[in-house]
C-alpha atoms as a PDB file:
ATOM      1  CA  GLY A   1     144.700-148.091  89.209  1.00  0.00           C
ATOM      2  CA  ASP A   2     143.535-144.529  88.500  1.00  0.00           C
ATOM      3  CA  VAL A   3     143.280-143.262  92.066  1.00  0.00           C
ATOM      4  CA  GLY A   4     144.054-139.938  93.656  1.00  0.00           C
ATOM      5  CA  ASP A   5     147.005-139.007  95.827  1.00  0.00           C
ATOM      6  CA  GLU A   6     144.788-139.237  98.907  1.00  0.00           C
ATOM      7  CA  ALA A   7     144.411-143.014  98.583  1.00  0.00           C
ATOM      8  CA  ASP A   8     147.050-145.506  99.636  1.00  0.00           C
ATOM      9  CA  THR A   9     147.527-147.910  96.718  1.00  0.00           C
ATOM     10  CA  ARG A  10     149.071-151.321  97.125  1.00  0.00           C
ATOM     11  CA  GLY A  11     149.438-154.231  94.740  1.00  0.00           C
ATOM     12  CA  THR A  12     150.534-157.060  97.025  1.00  0.00           C
ATOM     13  CA  LEU A  13     147.354-157.776  98.982  1.00  0.00           C
ATOM     14  CA  VAL A  14     146.097-160.678  96.885  1.00  0.00           C
ATOM     15  CA  THR A  15     147.517-163.801  95.308  1.00  0.00           C
ATOM     16  CA  TYR A  16     146.430-165.404  92.063  1.00  0.00           C
ATOM     17  CA  ASP A  17     146.999-168.651  90.297  1.00  0.00           C
ATOM     18  CA  GLY A  18     149.501-168.244  87.488  1.00  0.00           C
ATOM     19  CA  ARG A  19     149.206-171.531  85.623  1.00  0.00           C
ATOM     20  CA  PRO A  20     148.325-171.185  81.932  1.00  0.00           C
ATOM     21  CA  SER A  21     145.511-173.692  82.353  1.00  0.00           C
ATOM     22  CA  ARG A  22     143.401-173.775  85.510  1.00  0.00           C
ATOM     23  CA  ALA A  23     140.916-176.427  84.492  1.00  0.00           C
ATOM     24  CA  ASP A  24     141.411-178.149  87.832  1.00  0.00           C
ATOM     25  CA  LEU A  25     141.388-175.008  89.979  1.00  0.00           C
ATOM     26  CA  THR A  26     138.596-175.121  92.557  1.00  0.00           C
ATOM     27  CA  VAL A  27     137.732-171.745  94.038  1.00  0.00           C
ATOM     28  CA  GLN A  28     137.543-171.319  97.791  1.00  0.00           C
ATOM     29  CA  PRO A  29     135.215-169.222  99.969  1.00  0.00           C
ATOM     30  CA  GLY A  30     136.548-165.684  99.963  1.00  0.00           C
ATOM     31  CA  ASP A  31     137.974-165.879  96.447  1.00  0.00           C
ATOM     32  CA  VAL A  32     137.014-163.071  94.116  1.00  0.00           C
ATOM     33  CA  CYS A  33     137.240-163.353  90.344  1.00  0.00           C
ATOM     34  CA  PHE A  34     136.788-161.058  87.391  1.00  0.00           C
ATOM     35  CA  ALA A  35     136.487-161.622  83.651  1.00  0.00           C
ATOM     36  CA  ARG A  36     139.810-161.214  81.861  1.00  0.00           C
ATOM     37  CA  MET A  37     138.273-160.055  78.570  1.00  0.00           C
ATOM     38  CA  ALA A  38     138.250-156.393  77.644  1.00  0.00           C
ATOM     39  CA  ALA A  39     134.937-154.553  78.143  1.00  0.00           C
ATOM     40  CA  THR A  40     133.522-157.501  80.152  1.00  0.00           C
ATOM     41  CA  ARG A  41     132.473-156.376  83.622  1.00  0.00           C
ATOM     42  CA  LYS A  42     131.553-159.655  85.343  1.00  0.00           C
ATOM     43  CA  VAL A  43     132.854-159.918  88.940  1.00  0.00           C
ATOM     44  CA  LEU A  44     132.045-162.709  91.435  1.00  0.00           C
ATOM     45  CA  GLU A  45     132.728-163.241  95.138  1.00  0.00           C
ATOM     46  CA  PHE A  46     132.520-166.807  96.423  1.00  0.00           C
ATOM     47  CA  THR A  47     131.059-167.756  99.803  1.00  0.00           C
ATOM     48  CA  LYS A  48     130.676-170.970 101.783  1.00  0.00           C
ATOM     49  CA  GLY A  49     127.280-171.656 100.236  1.00  0.00           C
ATOM     50  CA  ASP A  50     128.617-171.811  96.684  1.00  0.00           C
ATOM     51  CA  GLY A  51     130.072-175.320  97.045  1.00  0.00           C
ATOM     52  CA  GLU A  52     132.937-176.506  94.882  1.00  0.00           C
ATOM     53  CA  LEU A  53     133.205-174.597  91.638  1.00  0.00           C
ATOM     54  CA  ILE A  54     135.761-174.757  88.843  1.00  0.00           C
ATOM     55  CA  LEU A  55     136.337-171.725  86.662  1.00  0.00           C
ATOM     56  CA  SER A  56     137.595-171.447  83.120  1.00  0.00           C
ATOM     57  CA  THR A  57     140.716-169.547  82.116  1.00  0.00           C
ATOM     58  CA  GLY A  58     138.469-166.659  81.067  1.00  0.00           C
ATOM     59  CA  PHE A  59     138.449-165.563  84.714  1.00  0.00           C
ATOM     60  CA  ALA A  60     141.226-164.282  86.935  1.00  0.00           C
ATOM     61  CA  VAL A  61     140.844-165.671  90.452  1.00  0.00           C
ATOM     62  CA  LEU A  62     142.113-163.480  93.294  1.00  0.00           C
ATOM     63  CA  ARG A  63     142.583-164.766  96.827  1.00  0.00           C
ATOM     64  CA  PRO A  64     142.728-161.934  99.409  1.00  0.00           C
ATOM     65  CA  ILE A  65     145.499-162.226 101.988  1.00  0.00           C
ATOM     66  CA  GLU A  66     143.880-162.562 105.397  1.00  0.00           C
ATOM     67  CA  ASP A  67     143.817-159.380 107.535  1.00  0.00           C
ATOM     68  CA  GLU A  68     145.067-157.336 104.577  1.00  0.00           C
ATOM     69  CA  VAL A  69     142.024-156.957 102.315  1.00  0.00           C
ATOM     70  CA  HIS A  70     138.416-158.032 102.750  1.00  0.00           C
ATOM     71  CA  PRO A  71     136.737-159.997  99.903  1.00  0.00           C
ATOM     72  CA  ALA A  72     133.681-157.722  99.816  1.00  0.00           C
ATOM     73  CA  TYR A  73     135.874-154.645  99.515  1.00  0.00           C
ATOM     74  CA  LEU A  74     137.932-156.309  96.790  1.00  0.00           C
ATOM     75  CA  ARG A  75     134.753-157.233  94.898  1.00  0.00           C
ATOM     76  CA  GLN A  76     133.555-153.639  94.979  1.00  0.00           C
ATOM     77  CA  TRP A  77     136.929-152.371  93.743  1.00  0.00           C
ATOM     78  CA  LEU A  78     136.981-154.877  90.883  1.00  0.00           C
ATOM     79  CA  SER A  79     133.456-153.738  89.926  1.00  0.00           C
ATOM     80  CA  SER A  80     134.392-150.063  89.855  1.00  0.00           C
ATOM     81  CA  GLY A  81     134.773-148.087  86.681  1.00  0.00           C
ATOM     82  CA  ALA A  82     138.287-147.068  87.693  1.00  0.00           C
ATOM     83  CA  PHE A  83     139.515-150.662  87.932  1.00  0.00           C
ATOM     84  CA  GLN A  84     137.711-151.793  84.781  1.00  0.00           C
ATOM     85  CA  ALA A  85     139.184-148.892  82.798  1.00  0.00           C
ATOM     86  CA  SER A  86     142.672-149.774  84.045  1.00  0.00           C
ATOM     87  CA  LYS A  87     142.146-153.425  83.192  1.00  0.00           C
ATOM     88  CA  ASP A  88     140.896-152.648  79.700  1.00  0.00           C
ATOM     89  CA  ARG A  89     143.952-150.496  78.948  1.00  0.00           C
ATOM     90  CA  LEU A  90     146.226-153.425  79.814  1.00  0.00           C
ATOM     91  CA  CYS A  91     144.333-155.996  77.726  1.00  0.00           C
ATOM     92  CA  THR A  92     146.183-157.389  74.723  1.00  0.00           C
ATOM     93  CA  GLY A  93     145.442-159.888  71.959  1.00  0.00           C
ATOM     94  CA  ALA A  94     144.769-160.034  68.259  1.00  0.00           C
ATOM     95  CA  THR A  95     141.166-161.271  68.232  1.00  0.00           C
ATOM     96  CA  GLN A  96     139.870-161.381  71.815  1.00  0.00           C
ATOM     97  CA  LYS A  97     141.718-158.873  73.981  1.00  0.00           C
ATOM     98  CA  ALA A  98     142.275-159.993  77.574  1.00  0.00           C
ATOM     99  CA  ILE A  99     144.554-159.222  80.491  1.00  0.00           C
ATOM    100  CA  THR A 100     147.466-161.581  81.176  1.00  0.00           C
ATOM    101  CA  ASN A 101     148.895-162.576  84.565  1.00  0.00           C
ATOM    102  CA  GLU A 102     151.938-160.411  83.889  1.00  0.00           C
ATOM    103  CA  LYS A 103     149.767-157.358  83.216  1.00  0.00           C
ATOM    104  CA  MET A 104     147.648-158.133  86.268  1.00  0.00           C
ATOM    105  CA  ALA A 105     150.733-157.633  88.424  1.00  0.00           C
ATOM    106  CA  LEU A 106     150.728-153.967  87.368  1.00  0.00           C
ATOM    107  CA  LEU A 107     147.298-153.329  88.839  1.00  0.00           C
ATOM    108  CA  THR A 108     147.033-151.774  92.303  1.00  0.00           C
ATOM    109  CA  ILE A 109     144.324-151.599  94.961  1.00  0.00           C
ATOM    110  CA  PRO A 110     143.462-148.443  96.916  1.00  0.00           C
ATOM    111  CA  VAL A 111     142.798-149.812 100.402  1.00  0.00           C
ATOM    112  CA  PRO A 112     142.462-148.495 103.965  1.00  0.00           C
ATOM    113  CA  ASP A 113     144.675-150.207 106.549  1.00  0.00           C
ATOM    114  CA  ARG A 114     141.890-151.383 108.857  1.00  0.00           C
ATOM    115  CA  ILE A 115     139.732-154.329 107.796  1.00  0.00           C
ATOM    116  CA  GLU A 116     136.827-152.750 109.707  1.00  0.00           C
ATOM    117  CA  ASP A 117     136.965-149.691 107.430  1.00  0.00           C
ATOM    118  CA  GLN A 118     137.039-151.891 104.350  1.00  0.00           C
ATOM    119  CA  ILE A 119     133.962-153.776 105.581  1.00  0.00           C
ATOM    120  CA  ARG A 120     132.142-150.488 106.318  1.00  0.00           C
ATOM    121  CA  ILE A 121     132.862-149.125 102.830  1.00  0.00           C
ATOM    122  CA  ALA A 122     131.784-152.384 101.186  1.00  0.00           C
ATOM    123  CA  GLU A 123     128.533-152.358 103.193  1.00  0.00           C
ATOM    124  CA  ILE A 124     127.769-148.773 102.121  1.00  0.00           C
ATOM    125  CA  LEU A 125     128.344-149.634  98.484  1.00  0.00           C
ATOM    126  CA  ASP A 126     126.398-152.888  98.792  1.00  0.00           C
ATOM    127  CA  MET A 127     123.393-151.039 100.250  1.00  0.00           C
ATOM    128  CA  ALA A 128     123.452-148.478  97.445  1.00  0.00           C
ATOM    129  CA  ASP A 129     123.807-151.255  94.877  1.00  0.00           C
ATOM    130  CA  ALA A 130     120.884-153.160  96.437  1.00  0.00           C
ATOM    131  CA  MET A 131     118.693-150.064  96.056  1.00  0.00           C
ATOM    132  CA  ARG A 132     119.633-149.908  92.372  1.00  0.00           C
ATOM    133  CA  ALA A 133     118.732-153.585  91.962  1.00  0.00           C
ATOM    134  CA  LYS A 134     115.312-152.964  93.547  1.00  0.00           C
ATOM    135  CA  ARG A 135     114.586-150.202  91.055  1.00  0.00           C
ATOM    136  CA  ARG A 136     115.512-152.512  88.178  1.00  0.00           C
ATOM    137  CA  ALA A 137     113.233-155.188  89.662  1.00  0.00           C
ATOM    138  CA  VAL A 138     110.344-152.694  89.846  1.00  0.00           C
ATOM    139  CA  LEU A 139     110.836-151.825  86.169  1.00  0.00           C
ATOM    140  CA  ALA A 140     110.729-155.525  85.279  1.00  0.00           C
ATOM    141  CA  GLN A 141     107.539-155.953  87.316  1.00  0.00           C
ATOM    142  CA  LEU A 142     105.946-153.011  85.518  1.00  0.00           C
ATOM    143  CA  ASP A 143     106.732-154.688  82.188  1.00  0.00           C
ATOM    144  CA  THR A 144     105.021-157.817  83.498  1.00  0.00           C
ATOM    145  CA  LEU A 145     102.071-155.703  84.661  1.00  0.00           C
ATOM    146  CA  ALA A 146     101.607-154.337  81.141  1.00  0.00           C
ATOM    147  CA  GLU A 147     101.527-157.886  79.747  1.00  0.00           C
ATOM    148  CA  THR A 148      99.008-158.867  82.424  1.00  0.00           C
ATOM    149  CA  ILE A 149      96.749-155.931  81.551  1.00  0.00           C
ATOM    150  CA  PHE A 150      96.793-156.914  77.870  1.00  0.00           C
ATOM    151  CA  LEU A 151      95.874-160.544  78.579  1.00  0.00           C
ATOM    152  CA  ASP A 152      93.253-159.581  81.173  1.00  0.00           C
ATOM    153  CA  MET A 153      91.489-157.179  78.815  1.00  0.00           C
ATOM    154  CA  PHE A 154      91.721-159.119  75.552  1.00  0.00           C
ATOM    155  CA  GLY A 155      92.370-162.722  76.548  1.00  0.00           C
ATOM    156  CA  ASP A 156      94.929-165.035  75.003  1.00  0.00           C
ATOM    157  CA  PRO A 157      95.290-163.703  71.431  1.00  0.00           C
ATOM    158  CA  VAL A 158      96.128-167.199  70.136  1.00  0.00           C
ATOM    159  CA  ALA A 159      93.056-168.967  71.531  1.00  0.00           C
ATOM    160  CA  ASN A 160      90.817-165.852  71.361  1.00  0.00           C
ATOM    161  CA  PRO A 161      88.585-167.035  74.229  1.00  0.00           C
ATOM    162  CA  LYS A 162      86.542-163.800  74.131  1.00  0.00           C
ATOM    163  CA  GLY A 163      85.546-164.418  70.543  1.00  0.00           C
ATOM    164  CA  TRP A 164      86.730-161.158  69.013  1.00  0.00           C
ATOM    165  CA  PRO A 165      86.176-160.858  65.223  1.00  0.00           C
ATOM    166  CA  ASP A 166      89.177-162.463  63.526  1.00  0.00           C
ATOM    167  CA  SER A 167      88.340-162.703  59.820  1.00  0.00           C
ATOM    168  CA  ASP A 168      90.057-159.512  58.642  1.00  0.00           C
ATOM    169  CA  LEU A 169      93.696-159.241  57.527  1.00  0.00           C
ATOM    170  CA  LEU A 170      96.284-156.581  58.285  1.00  0.00           C
ATOM    171  CA  GLY A 171      96.605-155.668  54.605  1.00  0.00           C
ATOM    172  CA  ASN A 172      92.941-154.578  54.574  1.00  0.00           C
ATOM    173  CA  ALA A 173      93.336-152.391  57.661  1.00  0.00           C
ATOM    174  CA  ALA A 174      96.685-150.723  56.982  1.00  0.00           C
ATOM    175  CA  ASP A 175      98.912-149.295  54.286  1.00  0.00           C
ATOM    176  CA  ILE A 176     102.186-151.250  54.418  1.00  0.00           C
ATOM    177  CA  VAL A 177     105.390-150.207  52.651  1.00  0.00           C
ATOM    178  CA  SER A 178     109.054-151.160  52.694  1.00  0.00           C
ATOM    179  CA  GLY A 179     111.767-148.519  53.008  1.00  0.00           C
ATOM    180  CA  VAL A 180     114.732-147.346  50.959  1.00  0.00           C
ATOM    181  CA  THR A 181     117.625-149.638  50.102  1.00  0.00           C
ATOM    182  CA  ILE A 182     120.812-148.292  51.642  1.00  0.00           C
ATOM    183  CA  GLY A 183     123.684-148.135  49.156  1.00  0.00           C
ATOM    184  CA  ARG A 184     121.441-148.216  46.092  1.00  0.00           C
ATOM    185  CA  LYS A 185     122.588-146.475  42.893  1.00  0.00           C
ATOM    186  CA  LEU A 186     121.106-143.002  42.554  1.00  0.00           C
ATOM    187  CA  ASN A 187     122.457-142.327  39.048  1.00  0.00           C
ATOM    188  CA  GLY A 188     123.005-138.625  39.618  1.00  0.00           C
ATOM    189  CA  LYS A 189     119.495-137.922  40.953  1.00  0.00           C
ATOM    190  CA  ARG A 190     119.052-134.884  43.147  1.00  0.00           C
ATOM    191  CA  THR A 191     119.080-135.934  46.789  1.00  0.00           C
ATOM    192  CA  ARG A 192     119.367-134.596  50.304  1.00  0.00           C
ATOM    193  CA  THR A 193     120.585-136.085  53.584  1.00  0.00           C
ATOM    194  CA  VAL A 194     117.963-137.520  55.904  1.00  0.00           C
ATOM    195  CA  PRO A 195     118.094-139.759  59.020  1.00  0.00           C
ATOM    196  CA  TYR A 196     116.699-143.261  58.673  1.00  0.00           C
ATOM    197  CA  LEU A 197     115.619-146.071  60.990  1.00  0.00           C
ATOM    198  CA  ALA A 198     117.584-149.303  60.660  1.00  0.00           C
ATOM    199  CA  VAL A 199     116.698-152.702  62.111  1.00  0.00           C
ATOM    200  CA  VAL A 200     118.855-152.029  65.180  1.00  0.00           C
ATOM    201  CA  ASN A 201     116.744-148.968  66.027  1.00  0.00           C
ATOM    202  CA  VAL A 202     113.471-150.934  66.105  1.00  0.00           C
ATOM    203  CA  GLN A 203     113.202-152.945  69.295  1.00  0.00           C
ATOM    204  CA  ASP A 204     110.325-154.751  71.000  1.00  0.00           C
ATOM    205  CA  ARG A 205     107.803-151.962  71.729  1.00  0.00           C
ATOM    206  CA  TYR A 206     110.442-149.239  71.957  1.00  0.00           C
ATOM    207  CA  LEU A 207     112.829-147.393  69.669  1.00  0.00           C
ATOM    208  CA  ASP A 208     116.553-147.180  70.366  1.00  0.00           C
ATOM    209  CA  LEU A 209     117.661-143.893  68.813  1.00  0.00           C
ATOM    210  CA  SER A 210     121.026-143.720  70.577  1.00  0.00           C
ATOM    211  CA  VAL A 211     122.782-144.291  67.244  1.00  0.00           C
ATOM    212  CA  MET A 212     121.103-142.814  64.183  1.00  0.00           C
ATOM    213  CA  LYS A 213     122.498-142.994  60.663  1.00  0.00           C
ATOM    214  CA  THR A 214     121.737-140.832  57.645  1.00  0.00           C
ATOM    215  CA  THR A 215     121.429-141.540  53.932  1.00  0.00           C
ATOM    216  CA  GLU A 216     120.951-139.670  50.686  1.00  0.00           C
ATOM    217  CA  ALA A 217     117.399-139.863  49.353  1.00  0.00           C
ATOM    218  CA  THR A 218     115.341-138.205  46.650  1.00  0.00           C
ATOM    219  CA  ASP A 219     112.327-136.050  47.482  1.00  0.00           C
ATOM    220  CA  GLU A 220     110.068-138.801  46.139  1.00  0.00           C
ATOM    221  CA  GLU A 221     111.694-141.436  48.386  1.00  0.00           C
ATOM    222  CA  ILE A 222     111.413-139.138  51.385  1.00  0.00           C
ATOM    223  CA  ARG A 223     107.752-138.465  50.626  1.00  0.00           C
ATOM    224  CA  ARG A 224     107.037-142.199  50.314  1.00  0.00           C
ATOM    225  CA  CYS A 225     109.020-143.331  53.366  1.00  0.00           C
ATOM    226  CA  ARG A 226     108.668-140.373  55.723  1.00  0.00           C
ATOM    227  CA  LEU A 227     107.347-141.509  59.084  1.00  0.00           C
ATOM    228  CA  HIS A 228     104.157-140.119  60.608  1.00  0.00           C
ATOM    229  CA  GLU A 229     103.017-140.225  64.206  1.00  0.00           C
ATOM    230  CA  ASP A 230     101.623-143.644  65.232  1.00  0.00           C
ATOM    231  CA  ASP A 231     103.217-145.480  62.318  1.00  0.00           C
ATOM    232  CA  LEU A 232     104.011-149.047  63.399  1.00  0.00           C
ATOM    233  CA  LEU A 233     107.534-150.116  62.467  1.00  0.00           C
ATOM    234  CA  LEU A 234     108.233-153.842  62.122  1.00  0.00           C
ATOM    235  CA  THR A 235     111.529-155.552  61.369  1.00  0.00           C
ATOM    236  CA  GLU A 236     111.747-157.813  58.342  1.00  0.00           C
ATOM    237  CA  GLY A 237     113.719-160.546  60.096  1.00  0.00           C
ATOM    238  CA  GLY A 238     116.439-161.676  62.440  1.00  0.00           C
ATOM    239  CA  ASP A 239     116.454-164.306  65.168  1.00  0.00           C
ATOM    240  CA  PRO A 240     113.312-166.475  64.901  1.00  0.00           C
ATOM    241  CA  ASP A 241     112.157-165.568  68.415  1.00  0.00           C
ATOM    242  CA  LYS A 242     112.242-161.867  67.495  1.00  0.00           C
ATOM    243  CA  LEU A 243     109.857-162.020  64.537  1.00  0.00           C
ATOM    244  CA  GLY A 244     107.065-159.477  64.906  1.00  0.00           C
ATOM    245  CA  ARG A 245     109.364-157.093  66.793  1.00  0.00           C
ATOM    246  CA  GLY A 246     108.160-153.553  66.404  1.00  0.00           C
ATOM    247  CA  SER A 247     107.352-150.200  67.918  1.00  0.00           C
ATOM    248  CA  LEU A 248     105.378-147.030  67.231  1.00  0.00           C
ATOM    249  CA  TRP A 249     106.836-143.821  65.864  1.00  0.00           C
ATOM    250  CA  ASN A 250     105.988-140.790  68.030  1.00  0.00           C
ATOM    251  CA  ASN A 251     107.647-138.009  66.037  1.00  0.00           C
ATOM    252  CA  GLU A 252     110.905-138.423  67.904  1.00  0.00           C
ATOM    253  CA  LEU A 253     112.635-136.545  65.039  1.00  0.00           C
ATOM    254  CA  PRO A 254     111.288-133.742  62.810  1.00  0.00           C
ATOM    255  CA  GLU A 255     111.948-135.844  59.724  1.00  0.00           C
ATOM    256  CA  CYS A 256     112.908-139.504  59.379  1.00  0.00           C
ATOM    257  CA  ILE A 257     112.540-142.345  56.880  1.00  0.00           C
ATOM    258  CA  HIS A 258     113.141-146.104  57.197  1.00  0.00           C
ATOM    259  CA  GLN A 259     115.316-148.607  55.393  1.00  0.00           C
ATOM    260  CA  ASN A 260     114.040-151.541  53.333  1.00  0.00           C
ATOM    261  CA  HIS A 261     114.506-154.104  56.150  1.00  0.00           C
ATOM    262  CA  VAL A 262     111.924-152.209  58.218  1.00  0.00           C
ATOM    263  CA  PHE A 263     108.226-152.260  57.273  1.00  0.00           C
ATOM    264  CA  ARG A 264     106.050-149.233  57.939  1.00  0.00           C
ATOM    265  CA  VAL A 265     102.439-150.083  58.852  1.00  0.00           C
ATOM    266  CA  ARG A 266     100.024-147.137  58.771  1.00  0.00           C
ATOM    267  CA  LEU A 267      96.445-147.832  59.831  1.00  0.00           C
ATOM    268  CA  VAL A 268      93.659-146.818  57.461  1.00  0.00           C
ATOM    269  CA  SER A 269      90.928-148.578  59.451  1.00  0.00           C
ATOM    270  CA  ASN A 270      89.095-146.840  62.288  1.00  0.00           C
ATOM    271  CA  GLU A 271      88.486-150.183  64.021  1.00  0.00           C
ATOM    272  CA  LEU A 272      91.988-150.461  65.471  1.00  0.00           C
ATOM    273  CA  THR A 273      94.247-148.256  67.559  1.00  0.00           C
ATOM    274  CA  PRO A 274      97.986-148.200  66.766  1.00  0.00           C
ATOM    275  CA  LEU A 275      98.934-149.235  70.304  1.00  0.00           C
ATOM    276  CA  PHE A 276      96.659-152.271  70.323  1.00  0.00           C
ATOM    277  CA  LEU A 277      97.965-153.283  66.889  1.00  0.00           C
ATOM    278  CA  ASN A 278     101.560-152.993  68.159  1.00  0.00           C
ATOM    279  CA  TRP A 279     100.764-155.312  71.059  1.00  0.00           C
ATOM    280  CA  LEU A 280      98.755-157.736  68.930  1.00  0.00           C
ATOM    281  CA  VAL A 281     101.514-158.124  66.334  1.00  0.00           C
ATOM    282  CA  GLY A 282     104.094-158.563  69.100  1.00  0.00           C
ATOM    283  CA  SER A 283     101.964-161.079  71.016  1.00  0.00           C
ATOM    284  CA  GLN A 284     102.184-164.845  70.778  1.00  0.00           C
ATOM    285  CA  ARG A 285      99.583-164.649  68.022  1.00  0.00           C
ATOM    286  CA  GLY A 286     101.967-162.581  65.920  1.00  0.00           C
ATOM    287  CA  LYS A 287     105.081-164.530  66.815  1.00  0.00           C
ATOM    288  CA  ARG A 288     103.474-167.889  65.952  1.00  0.00           C
ATOM    289  CA  TYR A 289     102.073-166.607  62.685  1.00  0.00           C
ATOM    290  CA  PHE A 290     105.363-165.108  61.524  1.00  0.00           C
ATOM    291  CA  LEU A 291     107.359-168.113  62.640  1.00  0.00           C
ATOM    292  CA  GLN A 292     105.107-170.435  60.629  1.00  0.00           C
ATOM    293  CA  SER A 293     105.175-168.146  57.594  1.00  0.00           C
ATOM    294  CA  ALA A 294     108.796-166.982  57.628  1.00  0.00           C
ATOM    295  CA  LYS A 295     111.585-168.108  55.389  1.00  0.00           C
ATOM    296  CA  GLN A 296     114.344-169.541  57.607  1.00  0.00           C
ATOM    297  CA  THR A 297     118.014-170.084  56.784  1.00  0.00           C
ATOM    298  CA  THR A 298     120.849-170.853  59.255  1.00  0.00           C
ATOM    299  CA  GLY A 299     119.029-169.516  62.278  1.00  0.00           C
ATOM    300  CA  ILE A 300     117.769-166.348  60.572  1.00  0.00           C
ATOM    301  CA  ALA A 301     114.094-165.879  59.757  1.00  0.00           C
ATOM    302  CA  SER A 302     112.485-163.244  57.548  1.00  0.00           C
ATOM    303  CA  ILE A 303     109.009-162.252  56.430  1.00  0.00           C
ATOM    304  CA  ASN A 304     107.920-160.537  53.226  1.00  0.00           C
ATOM    305  CA  MET A 305     105.234-158.002  52.385  1.00  0.00           C
ATOM    306  CA  THR A 306     102.706-160.635  51.313  1.00  0.00           C
ATOM    307  CA  GLN A 307     103.028-162.524  54.603  1.00  0.00           C
ATOM    308  CA  LEU A 308     102.736-159.337  56.639  1.00  0.00           C
ATOM    309  CA  ARG A 309      99.598-158.231  54.795  1.00  0.00           C
ATOM    310  CA  ALA A 310      98.063-161.666  55.438  1.00  0.00           C
ATOM    311  CA  PHE A 311      98.467-161.382  59.223  1.00  0.00           C
ATOM    312  CA  PRO A 312      95.086-162.367  60.791  1.00  0.00           C
ATOM    313  CA  LEU A 313      93.775-159.615  63.038  1.00  0.00           C
ATOM    314  CA  LEU A 314      91.707-159.651  66.206  1.00  0.00           C
ATOM    315  CA  ILE A 315      89.386-156.656  66.506  1.00  0.00           C
ATOM    316  CA  PRO A 316      88.038-156.015  70.023  1.00  0.00           C
ATOM    317  CA  PRO A 317      85.641-153.089  70.576  1.00  0.00           C
ATOM    318  CA  LEU A 318      87.323-149.723  70.025  1.00  0.00           C
ATOM    319  CA  PRO A 319      86.440-148.352  73.513  1.00  0.00           C
ATOM    320  CA  LEU A 320      88.253-151.343  75.045  1.00  0.00           C
ATOM    321  CA  GLN A 321      91.320-150.647  72.912  1.00  0.00           C
ATOM    322  CA  ARG A 322      91.258-146.999  74.042  1.00  0.00           C
ATOM    323  CA  GLU A 323      90.964-148.039  77.677  1.00  0.00           C
ATOM    324  CA  PHE A 324      94.004-150.272  77.163  1.00  0.00           C
ATOM    325  CA  ALA A 325      95.941-147.272  75.844  1.00  0.00           C
ATOM    326  CA  TRP A 326      94.908-145.251  78.896  1.00  0.00           C
ATOM    327  CA  ARG A 327      95.991-147.982  81.298  1.00  0.00           C
ATOM    328  CA  LEU A 328      99.352-148.385  79.604  1.00  0.00           C
ATOM    329  CA  ALA A 329      99.866-144.626  79.736  1.00  0.00           C
ATOM    330  CA  GLU A 330      99.456-144.860  83.514  1.00  0.00           C
ATOM    331  CA  VAL A 331     102.000-147.700  83.674  1.00  0.00           C
ATOM    332  CA  ASP A 332     104.414-145.734  81.464  1.00  0.00           C
ATOM    333  CA  SER A 333     104.081-142.713  83.736  1.00  0.00           C
ATOM    334  CA  ILE A 334     105.051-144.813  86.750  1.00  0.00           C
ATOM    335  CA  LYS A 335     107.922-146.369  84.776  1.00  0.00           C
ATOM    336  CA  GLY A 336     109.176-142.893  83.937  1.00  0.00           C
ATOM    337  CA  SER A 337     109.279-141.977  87.627  1.00  0.00           C
ATOM    338  CA  VAL A 338     111.074-145.222  88.490  1.00  0.00           C
ATOM    339  CA  ARG A 339     113.597-144.692  85.673  1.00  0.00           C
ATOM    340  CA  ARG A 340     114.369-141.195  86.942  1.00  0.00           C
ATOM    341  CA  SER A 341     114.818-142.582  90.448  1.00  0.00           C
ATOM    342  CA  ALA A 342     117.054-145.348  89.086  1.00  0.00           C
ATOM    343  CA  ALA A 343     119.177-142.785  87.239  1.00  0.00           C
ATOM    344  CA  GLU A 344     119.593-140.772  90.454  1.00  0.00           C
ATOM    345  CA  LEU A 345     120.642-143.917  92.321  1.00  0.00           C
ATOM    346  CA  ASP A 346     123.124-144.783  89.571  1.00  0.00           C
ATOM    347  CA  ALA A 347     124.647-141.314  89.915  1.00  0.00           C
ATOM    348  CA  LEU A 348     124.746-141.672  93.707  1.00  0.00           C
ATOM    349  CA  PHE A 349     126.420-145.071  93.478  1.00  0.00           C
ATOM    350  CA  ALA A 350     129.033-143.773  91.036  1.00  0.00           C
ATOM    351  CA  SER A 351     129.751-140.841  93.366  1.00  0.00           C
ATOM    352  CA  LEU A 352     130.085-143.162  96.375  1.00  0.00           C
ATOM    353  CA  GLN A 353     132.468-145.423  94.449  1.00  0.00           C
ATOM    354  CA  HIS A 354     134.553-142.435  93.411  1.00  0.00           C
ATOM    355  CA  CYS A 355     134.777-141.166  96.996  1.00  0.00           C
ATOM    356  CA  ALA A 356     135.428-144.619  98.449  1.00  0.00           C
ATOM    357  CA  PHE A 357     138.369-145.450  96.219  1.00  0.00           C
ATOM    358  CA  ARG A 358     139.932-142.000  96.446  1.00  0.00           C
ATOM    359  CA  GLY A 359     140.132-142.339 100.211  1.00  0.00           C
ATOM    360  CA  GLU A 360     137.378-139.831 100.980  1.00  0.00           C
ATOM    361  CA  LEU A 361     135.370-142.361 103.022  1.00  0.00           C
ATOM    362  CA  TRP A 362     138.400-143.514 104.989  1.00  0.00           C
ATOM    363  CA  PRO A 363     138.939-142.374 108.589  1.00  0.00           C
END
């Protein structure tokens, strides 16, 4: 592995089954396995409570030699970025790259001599990892809290038990347009380069702008498709359970348009807030409506402009919608603090791993 000169590296502390097919291989307590495929990080340690399990050939099963290497320490090493990078470099294959038994023999393990030191290092890393897991659990609970607030304030949007007005349609309350077609013929028209939102950027109540693409567009296209603050962006289709997926634009970029597989919904009614509309469209009311209306082929569902404009609204009192926005802002503020804490813990864990496997935590 990629370890420093300070660490003692050895490659003979584990054994592994070398048969081409291990369909009858039952793992034992203390075995540690990792996914053979490149860029797949799954690592498992088996204990007495796991019972009898049989693994597929997609996993490499390692059996630590007693008094040489502890399973928990081995699990942490296999989970480290250093090991995974080394494994990925040795993966071969035309379609699905994976590491072979022969290549596995080239991998080494940085390990202190004393089992007690291995256990201590594994416990330190396990504690840090447990703290990271708690932060992730808090974030998940905050997502659940937001859903609870929505249902508590507005009731089930499918049954509408609070009797909110429901006779108006989205097309009467908003201006809805489709975006530019990527790869269209421009026939020598004057254009300029502009970033655009694709389907992959529009997730469920958030935007993923980690990868942004650009396209050539005319001034008229940019004027028509340029995004404004609080525009609701909805995807045209995809997996049936993801219909109604959308998020609000908050001027994340100075200038941006959207492609034709993303609808832009801009409210013209003063009876709805953009945030409430985002949650209503993404609720079970929206999902059921789009699923019933969508055109479906081979597991892919899509909606058109006519179906989107015919979406049946619920219109609770505006002060209640504004209170909902305020409450969600409070939840988002807490989530921001938790995310920052989680990022700090991730950095701490990475630093501890680096020190542990370079020998800096050894006696």
